[in-house]
Amino acid sequence: MPSPDFTPPPPRRLFIAWLLLAGLTVTSLLAGLDGLSPASTASLTPAAVASVLLATALKAREILRVYLNLRASTPGWRGTLTAFVVVIIAGVAGGQAIILTLH
């Protein structure tokens, strides 16, 4: 089995990742402002919640792959950290679904 390449990503890849993260942040912000009250997530529509969570999951994936250089790690680490992200996103989505059904 060849040894993994632990060289850091080139500056161009880091810059592209940063642009993507900035764009996803703006997407989350705009989706989050969709509700009636910016102070409460209970006012967000299900589509807005889904948009924010999708952008969050994509940001987490990009940070893990590029900035933490997970692309060069073993499949076990990639799978474990991806599972953590999925569990967190699912937990937030489930909690938001409960909030939406109560209102």
Protein backbone atom coordinates (compact mmCIF):
# COMPACT_ATOMS: atom_id res chain seq x y z
CA MET A 1 0.00 0.00 0.00
CA PRO A 2 1.50 3.36 -1.01
CA SER A 3 2.07 5.87 1.75
CA PRO A 4 -0.35 8.81 1.78
CA ASP A 5 0.74 12.21 0.49
CA PHE A 6 0.71 14.57 3.47
CA THR A 7 1.92 17.64 1.59
CA PRO A 8 -0.24 20.68 2.28
CA PRO A 9 -2.63 21.87 -0.42
CA PRO A 10 -1.19 24.47 -2.79
CA PRO A 11 -2.12 28.14 -2.19
CA ARG A 12 -4.40 28.17 -5.23
CA ARG A 13 -6.48 25.27 -3.80
CA LEU A 14 -6.66 27.02 -0.43
CA PHE A 15 -7.86 30.22 -2.09
CA ILE A 16 -10.51 28.38 -4.11
CA ALA A 17 -11.67 26.64 -0.94
CA TRP A 18 -11.82 29.98 0.87
CA LEU A 19 -13.94 31.46 -1.95
CA LEU A 20 -16.29 28.48 -1.77
CA LEU A 21 -16.58 28.81 2.01
CA ALA A 22 -17.29 32.54 1.73
CA GLY A 23 -19.99 31.86 -0.88
CA LEU A 24 -21.58 29.19 1.29
CA THR A 25 -21.53 31.58 4.26
CA VAL A 26 -23.41 34.18 2.23
CA THR A 27 -25.85 31.48 1.10
CA SER A 28 -26.48 30.48 4.73
CA LEU A 29 -26.97 34.10 5.72
CA LEU A 30 -29.47 34.80 2.97
CA ALA A 31 -31.38 31.59 3.62
CA GLY A 32 -31.43 32.33 7.35
CA LEU A 33 -32.89 35.78 6.72
CA ASP A 34 -35.83 34.16 4.94
CA GLY A 35 -37.86 33.92 8.15
CA LEU A 36 -40.01 36.58 9.73
CA SER A 37 -37.73 37.19 12.70
CA PRO A 38 -33.94 37.00 12.34
CA ALA A 39 -33.71 36.41 16.11
CA SER A 40 -35.61 33.11 16.03
CA THR A 41 -35.02 29.96 14.01
CA ALA A 42 -38.64 28.98 14.66
CA SER A 43 -39.71 31.42 11.97
CA LEU A 44 -37.63 29.77 9.22
CA THR A 45 -39.40 27.84 6.51
CA PRO A 46 -38.39 24.19 6.00
CA ALA A 47 -36.72 25.16 2.70
CA ALA A 48 -34.64 27.82 4.47
CA VAL A 49 -33.61 25.35 7.16
CA ALA A 50 -32.65 22.79 4.51
CA SER A 51 -30.62 25.42 2.63
CA VAL A 52 -28.72 26.46 5.76
CA LEU A 53 -28.01 22.86 6.75
CA LEU A 54 -26.90 21.91 3.24
CA ALA A 55 -24.53 24.88 3.10
CA THR A 56 -23.24 23.97 6.56
CA ALA A 57 -22.60 20.35 5.55
CA LEU A 58 -20.76 21.46 2.40
CA LYS A 59 -18.65 23.90 4.43
CA ALA A 60 -17.76 21.18 6.94
CA ARG A 61 -16.78 18.84 4.12
CA GLU A 62 -14.57 21.46 2.48
CA ILE A 63 -12.87 22.40 5.75
CA LEU A 64 -12.19 18.75 6.53
CA ARG A 65 -10.89 17.95 3.06
CA VAL A 66 -8.78 21.02 2.39
CA TYR A 67 -7.81 22.78 5.59
CA LEU A 68 -7.46 19.66 7.74
CA ASN A 69 -6.01 17.79 4.72
CA LEU A 70 -8.34 14.86 5.25
CA ARG A 71 -8.04 13.97 1.58
CA ALA A 72 -4.62 12.52 2.40
CA SER A 73 -5.75 10.50 5.41
CA THR A 74 -6.92 6.93 5.68
CA PRO A 75 -10.49 5.95 4.77
CA GLY A 76 -11.22 5.28 8.44
CA TRP A 77 -10.53 8.88 9.44
CA ARG A 78 -12.47 10.26 6.47
CA GLY A 79 -15.43 8.01 7.24
CA THR A 80 -15.44 8.76 10.96
CA LEU A 81 -15.29 12.53 10.57
CA THR A 82 -17.87 12.45 7.78
CA ALA A 83 -20.13 10.41 10.05
CA PHE A 84 -19.72 13.01 12.80
CA VAL A 85 -20.82 15.75 10.40
CA VAL A 86 -23.82 13.69 9.26
CA VAL A 87 -24.88 12.97 12.85
CA ILE A 88 -24.60 16.64 13.83
CA ILE A 89 -26.53 17.85 10.78
CA ALA A 90 -29.19 15.16 11.33
CA GLY A 91 -29.50 16.15 15.00
CA VAL A 92 -29.94 19.82 14.14
CA ALA A 93 -32.43 18.97 11.39
CA GLY A 94 -34.39 16.75 13.78
CA GLY A 95 -34.45 19.44 16.46
CA GLN A 96 -35.57 22.02 13.93
CA ALA A 97 -38.30 19.67 12.69
CA ILE A 98 -39.58 19.37 16.26
CA ILE A 99 -39.58 23.15 16.64
CA LEU A 100 -41.45 23.57 13.35
CA THR A 101 -44.12 21.03 14.33
CA LEU A 102 -44.69 22.72 17.68
CA HIS A 103 -45.40 26.08 16.12
